[in-house]
Amino acid sequence: MGAFTAAAVAVGVLLFPALYRAAAGPTTADRLVAVNVISTKVIVLIVVFAVLFDHDVFIDIAFVYAMIGFIATIAITRFIERGRLD
């Protein structure tokens, strides 16, 4: 259990550089990649908490969050590229 706690703390600390890059930019692509990194780290945290607290439901939540993040990334990329979502 100590290794999972250490992993959760390490991933939590590593969120801050990505948060800085998402806020500072300088380009939209940098912000999009930073938001993807944050999303991935949150998914990892959810899975680590699922293992720590022995709740299988958190795995399902992480899976749904990953799918939503992927669809949002595709939509944002399409909007940046074309200027519209259709």
PDB file of N, CA and C in Angstrom:
ATOM      1  N   MET A   1       0.807  -1.201   0.000  1.00  0.00           N
ATOM      2  CA  MET A   1       0.000   0.000   0.000  1.00  0.00           C
ATOM      3  C   MET A   1       0.850   1.266   0.000  1.00  0.00           C
ATOM      4  N   GLY A   2       2.011   1.197   0.566  1.00  0.00           N
ATOM      5  CA  GLY A   2       2.873   2.375   0.620  1.00  0.00           C
ATOM      6  C   GLY A   2       3.319   2.827  -0.758  1.00  0.00           C
ATOM      7  N   ALA A   3       3.531   1.868  -1.650  1.00  0.00           N
ATOM      8  CA  ALA A   3       3.951   2.221  -3.007  1.00  0.00           C
ATOM      9  C   ALA A   3       2.837   2.937  -3.757  1.00  0.00           C
ATOM     10  N   PHE A   4       1.590   2.505  -3.552  1.00  0.00           N
ATOM     11  CA  PHE A   4       0.479   3.168  -4.222  1.00  0.00           C
ATOM     12  C   PHE A   4       0.263   4.575  -3.683  1.00  0.00           C
ATOM     13  N   THR A   5       0.451   4.745  -2.397  1.00  0.00           N
ATOM     14  CA  THR A   5       0.330   6.081  -1.807  1.00  0.00           C
ATOM     15  C   THR A   5       1.428   6.993  -2.338  1.00  0.00           C
ATOM     16  N   ALA A   6       2.642   6.477  -2.418  1.00  0.00           N
ATOM     17  CA  ALA A   6       3.746   7.273  -2.960  1.00  0.00           C
ATOM     18  C   ALA A   6       3.494   7.615  -4.424  1.00  0.00           C
ATOM     19  N   ALA A   7       2.938   6.681  -5.174  1.00  0.00           N
ATOM     20  CA  ALA A   7       2.629   6.952  -6.582  1.00  0.00           C
ATOM     21  C   ALA A   7       1.562   8.019  -6.706  1.00  0.00           C
ATOM     22  N   ALA A   8       0.544   7.971  -5.850  1.00  0.00           N
ATOM     23  CA  ALA A   8      -0.515   8.977  -5.889  1.00  0.00           C
ATOM     24  C   ALA A   8       0.036  10.360  -5.560  1.00  0.00           C
ATOM     25  N   VAL A   9       0.917  10.437  -4.587  1.00  0.00           N
ATOM     26  CA  VAL A   9       1.517  11.724  -4.226  1.00  0.00           C
ATOM     27  C   VAL A   9       2.399  12.231  -5.362  1.00  0.00           C
ATOM     28  N   ALA A  10       3.185  11.346  -5.957  1.00  0.00           N
ATOM     29  CA  ALA A  10       4.066  11.759  -7.053  1.00  0.00           C
ATOM     30  C   ALA A  10       3.264  12.257  -8.252  1.00  0.00           C
ATOM     31  N   VAL A  11       2.211  11.545  -8.607  1.00  0.00           N
ATOM     32  CA  VAL A  11       1.377  11.979  -9.734  1.00  0.00           C
ATOM     33  C   VAL A  11       0.685  13.291  -9.395  1.00  0.00           C
ATOM     34  N   GLY A  12       0.241  13.437  -8.165  1.00  0.00           N
ATOM     35  CA  GLY A  12      -0.387  14.698  -7.742  1.00  0.00           C
ATOM     36  C   GLY A  12       0.564  15.872  -7.833  1.00  0.00           C
ATOM     37  N   VAL A  13       1.799  15.662  -7.438  1.00  0.00           N
ATOM     38  CA  VAL A  13       2.802  16.732  -7.531  1.00  0.00           C
ATOM     39  C   VAL A  13       3.115  17.064  -8.981  1.00  0.00           C
ATOM     40  N   LEU A  14       3.148  16.047  -9.824  1.00  0.00           N
ATOM     41  CA  LEU A  14       3.463  16.260 -11.234  1.00  0.00           C
ATOM     42  C   LEU A  14       2.320  16.914 -12.011  1.00  0.00           C
ATOM     43  N   LEU A  15       1.179  17.072 -11.385  1.00  0.00           N
ATOM     44  CA  LEU A  15       0.089  17.808 -12.027  1.00  0.00           C
ATOM     45  C   LEU A  15       0.406  19.294 -12.153  1.00  0.00           C
ATOM     46  N   PHE A  16       1.184  19.821 -11.231  1.00  0.00           N
ATOM     47  CA  PHE A  16       1.424  21.265 -11.209  1.00  0.00           C
ATOM     48  C   PHE A  16       2.185  21.791 -12.423  1.00  0.00           C
ATOM     49  N   PRO A  17       3.223  21.120 -12.920  1.00  0.00           N
ATOM     50  CA  PRO A  17       3.843  21.628 -14.163  1.00  0.00           C
ATOM     51  C   PRO A  17       2.876  21.641 -15.348  1.00  0.00           C
ATOM     52  N   ALA A  18       2.016  20.631 -15.422  1.00  0.00           N
ATOM     53  CA  ALA A  18       1.036  20.606 -16.508  1.00  0.00           C
ATOM     54  C   ALA A  18       0.007  21.715 -16.333  1.00  0.00           C
ATOM     55  N   LEU A  19      -0.382  21.984 -15.103  1.00  0.00           N
ATOM     56  CA  LEU A  19      -1.299  23.102 -14.857  1.00  0.00           C
ATOM     57  C   LEU A  19      -0.674  24.429 -15.256  1.00  0.00           C
ATOM     58  N   TYR A  20       0.602  24.590 -14.974  1.00  0.00           N
ATOM     59  CA  TYR A  20       1.303  25.804 -15.375  1.00  0.00           C
ATOM     60  C   TYR A  20       1.323  25.938 -16.891  1.00  0.00           C
ATOM     61  N   ARG A  21       1.634  24.849 -17.592  1.00  0.00           N
ATOM     62  CA  ARG A  21       1.699  24.900 -19.063  1.00  0.00           C
ATOM     63  C   ARG A  21       0.323  25.174 -19.642  1.00  0.00           C
ATOM     64  N   ALA A  22      -0.727  24.640 -19.027  1.00  0.00           N
ATOM     65  CA  ALA A  22      -2.082  24.897 -19.518  1.00  0.00           C
ATOM     66  C   ALA A  22      -2.455  26.368 -19.342  1.00  0.00           C
ATOM     67  N   ALA A  23      -1.980  26.975 -18.281  1.00  0.00           N
ATOM     68  CA  ALA A  23      -2.303  28.384 -18.042  1.00  0.00           C
ATOM     69  C   ALA A  23      -1.404  29.319 -18.842  1.00  0.00           C
ATOM     70  N   ALA A  24      -0.122  28.987 -18.961  1.00  0.00           N
ATOM     71  CA  ALA A  24       0.844  29.890 -19.580  1.00  0.00           C
ATOM     72  C   ALA A  24       0.853  29.806 -21.100  1.00  0.00           C
ATOM     73  N   GLY A  25       0.500  28.655 -21.635  1.00  0.00           N
ATOM     74  CA  GLY A  25       0.496  28.546 -23.096  1.00  0.00           C
ATOM     75  C   GLY A  25       1.849  28.182 -23.646  1.00  0.00           C
ATOM     76  N   PRO A  26       2.416  28.853 -24.564  1.00  0.00           N
ATOM     77  CA  PRO A  26       1.980  30.074 -25.239  1.00  0.00           C
ATOM     78  C   PRO A  26       1.040  29.819 -26.413  1.00  0.00           C
ATOM     79  N   THR A  27       0.960  28.590 -26.919  1.00  0.00           N
ATOM     80  CA  THR A  27       0.078  28.334 -28.052  1.00  0.00           C
ATOM     81  C   THR A  27      -1.099  27.467 -27.606  1.00  0.00           C
ATOM     82  N   THR A  28      -2.091  27.417 -28.461  1.00  0.00           N
ATOM     83  CA  THR A  28      -3.256  26.591 -28.175  1.00  0.00           C
ATOM     84  C   THR A  28      -2.882  25.113 -28.145  1.00  0.00           C
ATOM     85  N   ALA A  29      -1.972  24.713 -29.002  1.00  0.00           N
ATOM     86  CA  ALA A  29      -1.534  23.311 -29.007  1.00  0.00           C
ATOM     87  C   ALA A  29      -0.860  22.939 -27.688  1.00  0.00           C
ATOM     88  N   ASP A  30      -0.051  23.855 -27.138  1.00  0.00           N
ATOM     89  CA  ASP A  30       0.567  23.598 -25.835  1.00  0.00           C
ATOM     90  C   ASP A  30      -0.491  23.409 -24.761  1.00  0.00           C
ATOM     91  N   ARG A  31      -1.495  24.239 -24.802  1.00  0.00           N
ATOM     92  CA  ARG A  31      -2.570  24.132 -23.806  1.00  0.00           C
ATOM     93  C   ARG A  31      -3.338  22.821 -23.967  1.00  0.00           C
ATOM     94  N   LEU A  32      -3.592  22.429 -25.201  1.00  0.00           N
ATOM     95  CA  LEU A  32      -4.320  21.185 -25.445  1.00  0.00           C
ATOM     96  C   LEU A  32      -3.528  19.978 -24.953  1.00  0.00           C
ATOM     97  N   VAL A  33      -2.246  19.947 -25.226  1.00  0.00           N
ATOM     98  CA  VAL A  33      -1.406  18.838 -24.751  1.00  0.00           C
ATOM     99  C   VAL A  33      -1.356  18.834 -23.222  1.00  0.00           C
ATOM    100  N   ALA A  34      -1.265  20.001 -22.613  1.00  0.00           N
ATOM    101  CA  ALA A  34      -1.233  20.074 -21.151  1.00  0.00           C
ATOM    102  C   ALA A  34      -2.536  19.558 -20.547  1.00  0.00           C
ATOM    103  N   VAL A  35      -3.650  19.895 -21.144  1.00  0.00           N
ATOM    104  CA  VAL A  35      -4.933  19.405 -20.645  1.00  0.00           C
ATOM    105  C   VAL A  35      -5.029  17.889 -20.812  1.00  0.00           C
ATOM    106  N   ASN A  36      -4.488  17.354 -21.900  1.00  0.00           N
ATOM    107  CA  ASN A  36      -4.450  15.897 -22.076  1.00  0.00           C
ATOM    108  C   ASN A  36      -3.582  15.230 -21.017  1.00  0.00           C
ATOM    109  N   VAL A  37      -2.458  15.837 -20.692  1.00  0.00           N
ATOM    110  CA  VAL A  37      -1.581  15.303 -19.644  1.00  0.00           C
ATOM    111  C   VAL A  37      -2.300  15.324 -18.297  1.00  0.00           C
ATOM    112  N   ILE A  38      -2.986  16.413 -18.011  1.00  0.00           N
ATOM    113  CA  ILE A  38      -3.739  16.501 -16.757  1.00  0.00           C
ATOM    114  C   ILE A  38      -4.810  15.423 -16.707  1.00  0.00           C
ATOM    115  N   SER A  39      -5.523  15.238 -17.809  1.00  0.00           N
ATOM    116  CA  SER A  39      -6.563  14.216 -17.874  1.00  0.00           C
ATOM    117  C   SER A  39      -5.989  12.826 -17.630  1.00  0.00           C
ATOM    118  N   THR A  40      -4.856  12.540 -18.236  1.00  0.00           N
ATOM    119  CA  THR A  40      -4.224  11.239 -18.046  1.00  0.00           C
ATOM    120  C   THR A  40      -3.793  11.036 -16.600  1.00  0.00           C
ATOM    121  N   LYS A  41      -3.242  12.067 -15.997  1.00  0.00           N
ATOM    122  CA  LYS A  41      -2.813  11.957 -14.595  1.00  0.00           C
ATOM    123  C   LYS A  41      -4.008  11.769 -13.661  1.00  0.00           C
ATOM    124  N   VAL A  42      -5.114  12.415 -13.954  1.00  0.00           N
ATOM    125  CA  VAL A  42      -6.309  12.230 -13.139  1.00  0.00           C
ATOM    126  C   VAL A  42      -6.821  10.798 -13.277  1.00  0.00           C
ATOM    127  N   ILE A  43      -6.773  10.242 -14.472  1.00  0.00           N
ATOM    128  CA  ILE A  43      -7.180   8.853 -14.671  1.00  0.00           C
ATOM    129  C   ILE A  43      -6.286   7.916 -13.864  1.00  0.00           C
ATOM    130  N   VAL A  44      -4.987   8.176 -13.883  1.00  0.00           N
ATOM    131  CA  VAL A  44      -4.058   7.360 -13.095  1.00  0.00           C
ATOM    132  C   VAL A  44      -4.378   7.478 -11.601  1.00  0.00           C
ATOM    133  N   LEU A  45      -4.670   8.679 -11.133  1.00  0.00           N
ATOM    134  CA  LEU A  45      -5.027   8.863  -9.719  1.00  0.00           C
ATOM    135  C   LEU A  45      -6.300   8.106  -9.362  1.00  0.00           C
ATOM    136  N   ILE A  46      -7.281   8.136 -10.235  1.00  0.00           N
ATOM    137  CA  ILE A  46      -8.524   7.413  -9.968  1.00  0.00           C
ATOM    138  C   ILE A  46      -8.253   5.914  -9.867  1.00  0.00           C
ATOM    139  N   VAL A  47      -7.427   5.389 -10.744  1.00  0.00           N
ATOM    140  CA  VAL A  47      -7.115   3.956 -10.705  1.00  0.00           C
ATOM    141  C   VAL A  47      -6.310   3.609  -9.448  1.00  0.00           C
ATOM    142  N   VAL A  48      -5.382   4.460  -9.087  1.00  0.00           N
ATOM    143  CA  VAL A  48      -4.607   4.215  -7.855  1.00  0.00           C
ATOM    144  C   VAL A  48      -5.528   4.223  -6.637  1.00  0.00           C
ATOM    145  N   PHE A  49      -6.467   5.166  -6.591  1.00  0.00           N
ATOM    146  CA  PHE A  49      -7.418   5.186  -5.482  1.00  0.00           C
ATOM    147  C   PHE A  49      -8.319   3.956  -5.495  1.00  0.00           C
ATOM    148  N   ALA A  50      -8.649   3.452  -6.679  1.00  0.00           N
ATOM    149  CA  ALA A  50      -9.444   2.226  -6.764  1.00  0.00           C
ATOM    150  C   ALA A  50      -8.698   1.058  -6.135  1.00  0.00           C
ATOM    151  N   VAL A  51      -7.398   0.996  -6.376  1.00  0.00           N
ATOM    152  CA  VAL A  51      -6.603  -0.079  -5.787  1.00  0.00           C
ATOM    153  C   VAL A  51      -6.442   0.131  -4.285  1.00  0.00           C
ATOM    154  N   LEU A  52      -6.174   1.370  -3.881  1.00  0.00           N
ATOM    155  CA  LEU A  52      -5.964   1.646  -2.458  1.00  0.00           C
ATOM    156  C   LEU A  52      -7.202   1.354  -1.613  1.00  0.00           C
ATOM    157  N   PHE A  53      -8.372   1.758  -2.109  1.00  0.00           N
ATOM    158  CA  PHE A  53      -9.592   1.615  -1.318  1.00  0.00           C
ATOM    159  C   PHE A  53     -10.428   0.405  -1.712  1.00  0.00           C
ATOM    160  N   ASP A  54      -9.925  -0.386  -2.668  1.00  0.00           N
ATOM    161  CA  ASP A  54     -10.581  -1.618  -3.096  1.00  0.00           C
ATOM    162  C   ASP A  54     -12.020  -1.386  -3.552  1.00  0.00           C
ATOM    163  N   HIS A  55     -12.186  -0.397  -4.435  1.00  0.00           N
ATOM    164  CA  HIS A  55     -13.489  -0.094  -5.031  1.00  0.00           C
ATOM    165  C   HIS A  55     -13.375  -0.261  -6.539  1.00  0.00           C
ATOM    166  N   ASP A  56     -14.021  -1.283  -7.054  1.00  0.00           N
ATOM    167  CA  ASP A  56     -13.965  -1.553  -8.492  1.00  0.00           C
ATOM    168  C   ASP A  56     -14.709  -0.516  -9.314  1.00  0.00           C
ATOM    169  N   VAL A  57     -15.644   0.175  -8.709  1.00  0.00           N
ATOM    170  CA  VAL A  57     -16.426   1.178  -9.429  1.00  0.00           C
ATOM    171  C   VAL A  57     -15.522   2.303  -9.938  1.00  0.00           C
ATOM    172  N   PHE A  58     -14.463   2.600  -9.219  1.00  0.00           N
ATOM    173  CA  PHE A  58     -13.551   3.670  -9.649  1.00  0.00           C
ATOM    174  C   PHE A  58     -12.883   3.336 -10.977  1.00  0.00           C
ATOM    175  N   ILE A  59     -12.676   2.062 -11.255  1.00  0.00           N
ATOM    176  CA  ILE A  59     -12.092   1.660 -12.542  1.00  0.00           C
ATOM    177  C   ILE A  59     -13.049   2.027 -13.675  1.00  0.00           C
ATOM    178  N   ASP A  60     -14.332   1.779 -13.471  1.00  0.00           N
ATOM    179  CA  ASP A  60     -15.332   2.142 -14.476  1.00  0.00           C
ATOM    180  C   ASP A  60     -15.389   3.647 -14.672  1.00  0.00           C
ATOM    181  N   ILE A  61     -15.285   4.389 -13.586  1.00  0.00           N
ATOM    182  CA  ILE A  61     -15.292   5.849 -13.671  1.00  0.00           C
ATOM    183  C   ILE A  61     -14.074   6.330 -14.451  1.00  0.00           C
ATOM    184  N   ALA A  62     -12.928   5.741 -14.201  1.00  0.00           N
ATOM    185  CA  ALA A  62     -11.711   6.116 -14.924  1.00  0.00           C
ATOM    186  C   ALA A  62     -11.852   5.809 -16.411  1.00  0.00           C
ATOM    187  N   PHE A  63     -12.468   4.685 -16.745  1.00  0.00           N
ATOM    188  CA  PHE A  63     -12.665   4.313 -18.142  1.00  0.00           C
ATOM    189  C   PHE A  63     -13.574   5.319 -18.846  1.00  0.00           C
ATOM    190  N   VAL A  64     -14.671   5.686 -18.222  1.00  0.00           N
ATOM    191  CA  VAL A  64     -15.592   6.671 -18.809  1.00  0.00           C
ATOM    192  C   VAL A  64     -14.914   8.023 -18.932  1.00  0.00           C
ATOM    193  N   TYR A  65     -14.147   8.411 -17.935  1.00  0.00           N
ATOM    194  CA  TYR A  65     -13.417   9.685 -17.980  1.00  0.00           C
ATOM    195  C   TYR A  65     -12.410   9.690 -19.131  1.00  0.00           C
ATOM    196  N   ALA A  66     -11.769   8.563 -19.362  1.00  0.00           N
ATOM    197  CA  ALA A  66     -10.819   8.462 -20.472  1.00  0.00           C
ATOM    198  C   ALA A  66     -11.517   8.600 -21.815  1.00  0.00           C
ATOM    199  N   MET A  67     -12.683   7.979 -21.959  1.00  0.00           N
ATOM    200  CA  MET A  67     -13.426   8.099 -23.214  1.00  0.00           C
ATOM    201  C   MET A  67     -13.894   9.530 -23.450  1.00  0.00           C
ATOM    202  N   ILE A  68     -14.387  10.176 -22.409  1.00  0.00           N
ATOM    203  CA  ILE A  68     -14.830  11.562 -22.547  1.00  0.00           C
ATOM    204  C   ILE A  68     -13.651  12.462 -22.892  1.00  0.00           C
ATOM    205  N   GLY A  69     -12.511  12.241 -22.264  1.00  0.00           N
ATOM    206  CA  GLY A  69     -11.318  13.031 -22.564  1.00  0.00           C
ATOM    207  C   GLY A  69     -10.859  12.861 -23.996  1.00  0.00           C
ATOM    208  N   PHE A  70     -10.936  11.635 -24.506  1.00  0.00           N
ATOM    209  CA  PHE A  70     -10.538  11.379 -25.887  1.00  0.00           C
ATOM    210  C   PHE A  70     -11.466  12.089 -26.863  1.00  0.00           C
ATOM    211  N   ILE A  71     -12.761  11.985 -26.633  1.00  0.00           N
ATOM    212  CA  ILE A  71     -13.728  12.637 -27.520  1.00  0.00           C
ATOM    213  C   ILE A  71     -13.569  14.150 -27.456  1.00  0.00           C
ATOM    214  N   ALA A  72     -13.342  14.687 -26.276  1.00  0.00           N
ATOM    215  CA  ALA A  72     -13.146  16.136 -26.146  1.00  0.00           C
ATOM    216  C   ALA A  72     -11.885  16.587 -26.869  1.00  0.00           C
ATOM    217  N   THR A  73     -10.837  15.801 -26.798  1.00  0.00           N
ATOM    218  CA  THR A  73      -9.596  16.150 -27.502  1.00  0.00           C
ATOM    219  C   THR A  73      -9.813  16.177 -29.007  1.00  0.00           C
ATOM    220  N   ILE A  74     -10.524  15.193 -29.522  1.00  0.00           N
ATOM    221  CA  ILE A  74     -10.814  15.168 -30.950  1.00  0.00           C
ATOM    222  C   ILE A  74     -11.650  16.385 -31.348  1.00  0.00           C
ATOM    223  N   ALA A  75     -12.647  16.719 -30.545  1.00  0.00           N
ATOM    224  CA  ALA A  75     -13.511  17.858 -30.858  1.00  0.00           C
ATOM    225  C   ALA A  75     -12.730  19.175 -30.816  1.00  0.00           C
ATOM    226  N   ILE A  76     -11.899  19.337 -29.819  1.00  0.00           N
ATOM    227  CA  ILE A  76     -11.129  20.582 -29.708  1.00  0.00           C
ATOM    228  C   ILE A  76     -10.125  20.688 -30.850  1.00  0.00           C
ATOM    229  N   THR A  77      -9.486  19.584 -31.196  1.00  0.00           N
ATOM    230  CA  THR A  77      -8.534  19.597 -32.301  1.00  0.00           C
ATOM    231  C   THR A  77      -9.221  19.936 -33.616  1.00  0.00           C
ATOM    232  N   ARG A  78     -10.381  19.360 -33.827  1.00  0.00           N
ATOM    233  CA  ARG A  78     -11.137  19.655 -35.045  1.00  0.00           C
ATOM    234  C   ARG A  78     -11.555  21.129 -35.078  1.00  0.00           C
ATOM    235  N   PHE A  79     -11.960  21.656 -33.918  1.00  0.00           N
ATOM    236  CA  PHE A  79     -12.355  23.065 -33.858  1.00  0.00           C
ATOM    237  C   PHE A  79     -11.166  23.983 -34.145  1.00  0.00           C
ATOM    238  N   ILE A  80     -10.005  23.646 -33.600  1.00  0.00           N
ATOM    239  CA  ILE A  80      -8.807  24.470 -33.853  1.00  0.00           C
ATOM    240  C   ILE A  80      -8.433  24.421 -35.319  1.00  0.00           C
ATOM    241  N   GLU A  81      -8.538  23.232 -35.920  1.00  0.00           N
ATOM    242  CA  GLU A  81      -8.130  23.067 -37.302  1.00  0.00           C
ATOM    243  C   GLU A  81      -9.103  23.714 -38.285  1.00  0.00           C
ATOM    244  N   ARG A  82     -10.392  23.527 -38.087  1.00  0.00           N
ATOM    245  CA  ARG A  82     -11.391  23.975 -39.054  1.00  0.00           C
ATOM    246  C   ARG A  82     -12.143  25.245 -38.646  1.00  0.00           C
ATOM    247  N   GLY A  83     -12.175  25.523 -37.369  1.00  0.00           N
ATOM    248  CA  GLY A  83     -12.959  26.664 -36.899  1.00  0.00           C
ATOM    249  C   GLY A  83     -14.407  26.333 -36.626  1.00  0.00           C
ATOM    250  N   ARG A  84     -14.781  25.066 -36.825  1.00  0.00           N
ATOM    251  CA  ARG A  84     -16.127  24.600 -36.547  1.00  0.00           C
ATOM    252  C   ARG A  84     -16.065  23.102 -36.221  1.00  0.00           C
ATOM    253  N   LEU A  85     -17.144  22.560 -35.675  1.00  0.00           N
ATOM    254  CA  LEU A  85     -17.123  21.157 -35.230  1.00  0.00           C
ATOM    255  C   LEU A  85     -17.785  20.196 -36.207  1.00  0.00           C
ATOM    256  N   ASP A  86     -18.456  20.688 -37.241  1.00  0.00           N
ATOM    257  CA  ASP A  86     -19.148  19.771 -38.153  1.00  0.00           C
ATOM    258  C   ASP A  86     -18.265  19.199 -39.221  1.00  0.00           C
TER     259      ASP A  86
END
